[in-house]
C-alpha atoms as a PDB file:
ATOM      1  CA  MET A   1     186.104 147.278 173.237  1.00  0.00           C
ATOM      2  CA  GLN A   2     189.105 147.004 171.024  1.00  0.00           C
ATOM      3  CA  ILE A   3     192.474 147.912 171.013  1.00  0.00           C
ATOM      4  CA  THR A   4     195.782 147.633 169.135  1.00  0.00           C
ATOM      5  CA  PHE A   5     198.083 144.877 170.907  1.00  0.00           C
ATOM      6  CA  LYS A   6     202.111 144.689 169.723  1.00  0.00           C
ATOM      7  CA  LEU A   7     204.971 143.074 170.906  1.00  0.00           C
ATOM      8  CA  TYR A   8     208.335 143.473 169.585  1.00  0.00           C
ATOM      9  CA  ALA A   9     211.744 141.504 169.504  1.00  0.00           C
ATOM     10  CA  GLY A  10     211.018 138.056 171.010  1.00  0.00           C
ATOM     11  CA  LEU A  11     207.511 138.705 172.717  1.00  0.00           C
ATOM     12  CA  THR A  12     206.447 138.252 169.139  1.00  0.00           C
ATOM     13  CA  GLN A  13     206.626 134.484 169.948  1.00  0.00           C
ATOM     14  CA  TYR A  14     203.806 134.886 172.252  1.00  0.00           C
ATOM     15  CA  LEU A  15     201.150 136.251 169.287  1.00  0.00           C
ATOM     16  CA  PRO A  16     199.337 133.784 166.999  1.00  0.00           C
ATOM     17  CA  PRO A  17     201.496 132.587 164.731  1.00  0.00           C
ATOM     18  CA  ASP A  18     199.520 134.192 162.091  1.00  0.00           C
ATOM     19  CA  LYS A  19     200.065 137.779 163.250  1.00  0.00           C
ATOM     20  CA  ARG A  20     203.840 137.238 163.965  1.00  0.00           C
ATOM     21  CA  THR A  21     204.663 138.963 160.856  1.00  0.00           C
ATOM     22  CA  GLY A  22     203.664 141.905 161.603  1.00  0.00           C
ATOM     23  CA  ASN A  23     204.152 142.026 165.126  1.00  0.00           C
ATOM     24  CA  LEU A  24     200.415 143.298 166.017  1.00  0.00           C
ATOM     25  CA  MET A  25     197.399 142.098 166.181  1.00  0.00           C
ATOM     26  CA  PRO A  26     193.556 143.367 167.031  1.00  0.00           C
ATOM     27  CA  LEU A  27     192.400 142.492 170.152  1.00  0.00           C
ATOM     28  CA  GLU A  28     188.783 142.765 172.013  1.00  0.00           C
ATOM     29  CA  LEU A  29     189.084 143.393 175.228  1.00  0.00           C
ATOM     30  CA  ALA A  30     186.040 144.239 177.911  1.00  0.00           C
ATOM     31  CA  ASP A  31     185.247 147.704 179.022  1.00  0.00           C
ATOM     32  CA  GLY A  32     187.546 148.799 181.730  1.00  0.00           C
ATOM     33  CA  ALA A  33     189.992 146.413 181.040  1.00  0.00           C
ATOM     34  CA  THR A  34     193.133 147.029 182.395  1.00  0.00           C
ATOM     35  CA  ILE A  35     196.959 146.472 180.573  1.00  0.00           C
ATOM     36  CA  GLY A  36     197.520 143.422 182.967  1.00  0.00           C
ATOM     37  CA  GLN A  37     194.425 141.945 181.934  1.00  0.00           C
ATOM     38  CA  ALA A  38     195.088 142.676 178.838  1.00  0.00           C
ATOM     39  CA  ILE A  39     198.208 140.341 178.155  1.00  0.00           C
ATOM     40  CA  GLU A  40     197.365 137.667 180.812  1.00  0.00           C
ATOM     41  CA  PRO A  41     196.284 135.816 177.954  1.00  0.00           C
ATOM     42  CA  PHE A  42     199.234 135.929 176.214  1.00  0.00           C
ATOM     43  CA  GLY A  43     201.320 134.312 178.872  1.00  0.00           C
ATOM     44  CA  LEU A  44     204.177 137.198 178.823  1.00  0.00           C
ATOM     45  CA  PRO A  45     207.067 135.859 181.252  1.00  0.00           C
ATOM     46  CA  PRO A  46     206.489 139.120 183.330  1.00  0.00           C
ATOM     47  CA  LYS A  47     210.228 140.017 183.576  1.00  0.00           C
ATOM     48  CA  GLN A  48     210.169 140.118 179.728  1.00  0.00           C
ATOM     49  CA  VAL A  49     207.874 142.762 179.793  1.00  0.00           C
ATOM     50  CA  HIS A  50     209.999 145.614 180.304  1.00  0.00           C
ATOM     51  CA  LEU A  51     209.219 148.690 178.658  1.00  0.00           C
ATOM     52  CA  VAL A  52     204.779 149.044 177.728  1.00  0.00           C
ATOM     53  CA  LEU A  53     203.317 151.469 176.062  1.00  0.00           C
ATOM     54  CA  VAL A  54     199.989 153.226 175.515  1.00  0.00           C
ATOM     55  CA  ASN A  55     199.608 155.673 172.396  1.00  0.00           C
ATOM     56  CA  GLY A  56     203.085 156.094 172.581  1.00  0.00           C
ATOM     57  CA  VAL A  57     203.399 156.939 176.373  1.00  0.00           C
ATOM     58  CA  PHE A  58     205.573 155.331 178.684  1.00  0.00           C
ATOM     59  CA  VAL A  59     203.763 153.468 181.420  1.00  0.00           C
ATOM     60  CA  PRO A  60     206.151 152.309 184.598  1.00  0.00           C
ATOM     61  CA  PRO A  61     205.546 148.352 186.130  1.00  0.00           C
ATOM     62  CA  GLU A  62     203.612 150.313 189.567  1.00  0.00           C
ATOM     63  CA  LYS A  63     200.979 151.769 187.059  1.00  0.00           C
ATOM     64  CA  ARG A  64     200.538 148.821 184.718  1.00  0.00           C
ATOM     65  CA  PRO A  65     198.212 146.499 186.865  1.00  0.00           C
ATOM     66  CA  GLU A  66     195.431 149.878 187.291  1.00  0.00           C
ATOM     67  CA  HIS A  67     196.104 151.799 184.088  1.00  0.00           C
ATOM     68  CA  VAL A  68     192.325 151.184 182.111  1.00  0.00           C
ATOM     69  CA  LEU A  69     192.426 150.859 178.567  1.00  0.00           C
ATOM     70  CA  VAL A  70     190.249 152.528 176.242  1.00  0.00           C
ATOM     71  CA  GLU A  71     189.035 151.861 172.963  1.00  0.00           C
ATOM     72  CA  GLY A  72     191.521 153.076 169.913  1.00  0.00           C
ATOM     73  CA  ASP A  73     194.278 152.362 172.107  1.00  0.00           C
ATOM     74  CA  VAL A  74     197.710 151.197 170.999  1.00  0.00           C
ATOM     75  CA  LEU A  75     199.417 148.740 173.600  1.00  0.00           C
ATOM     76  CA  ALA A  76     202.903 147.800 172.596  1.00  0.00           C
ATOM     77  CA  ILE A  77     205.543 146.107 175.254  1.00  0.00           C
ATOM     78  CA  TRP A  78     209.419 145.341 174.846  1.00  0.00           C
ATOM     79  CA  PRO A  79     211.724 142.732 176.211  1.00  0.00           C
ATOM     80  CA  PRO A  80     214.543 144.293 177.669  1.00  0.00           C
ATOM     81  CA  ILE A  81     216.964 144.804 175.273  1.00  0.00           C
ATOM     82  CA  ALA A  82     220.781 144.792 175.318  1.00  0.00           C
ATOM     83  CA  GLY A  83     222.766 146.740 172.768  1.00  0.00           C
ATOM     84  CA  GLY A  84     226.271 148.900 172.507  1.00  0.00           C
END
């Protein structure tokens, strides 16, 4: 199956160099893959995987290991962001 994988802010450095400008890439996964399985090959530091959305819907940290992705999903991840 194929999903769209998006990383934001400082996490874009974990995408392949040719995908960093647009901050997204198509990602081929096995059927039944979870969020954890999707992001594992990218080596994202766990403390930097802060806000996770699937199709614009927040997935809480405790649900991410078992949340199964489906064809066409958009997985977007933001690091913690500070500001004022």
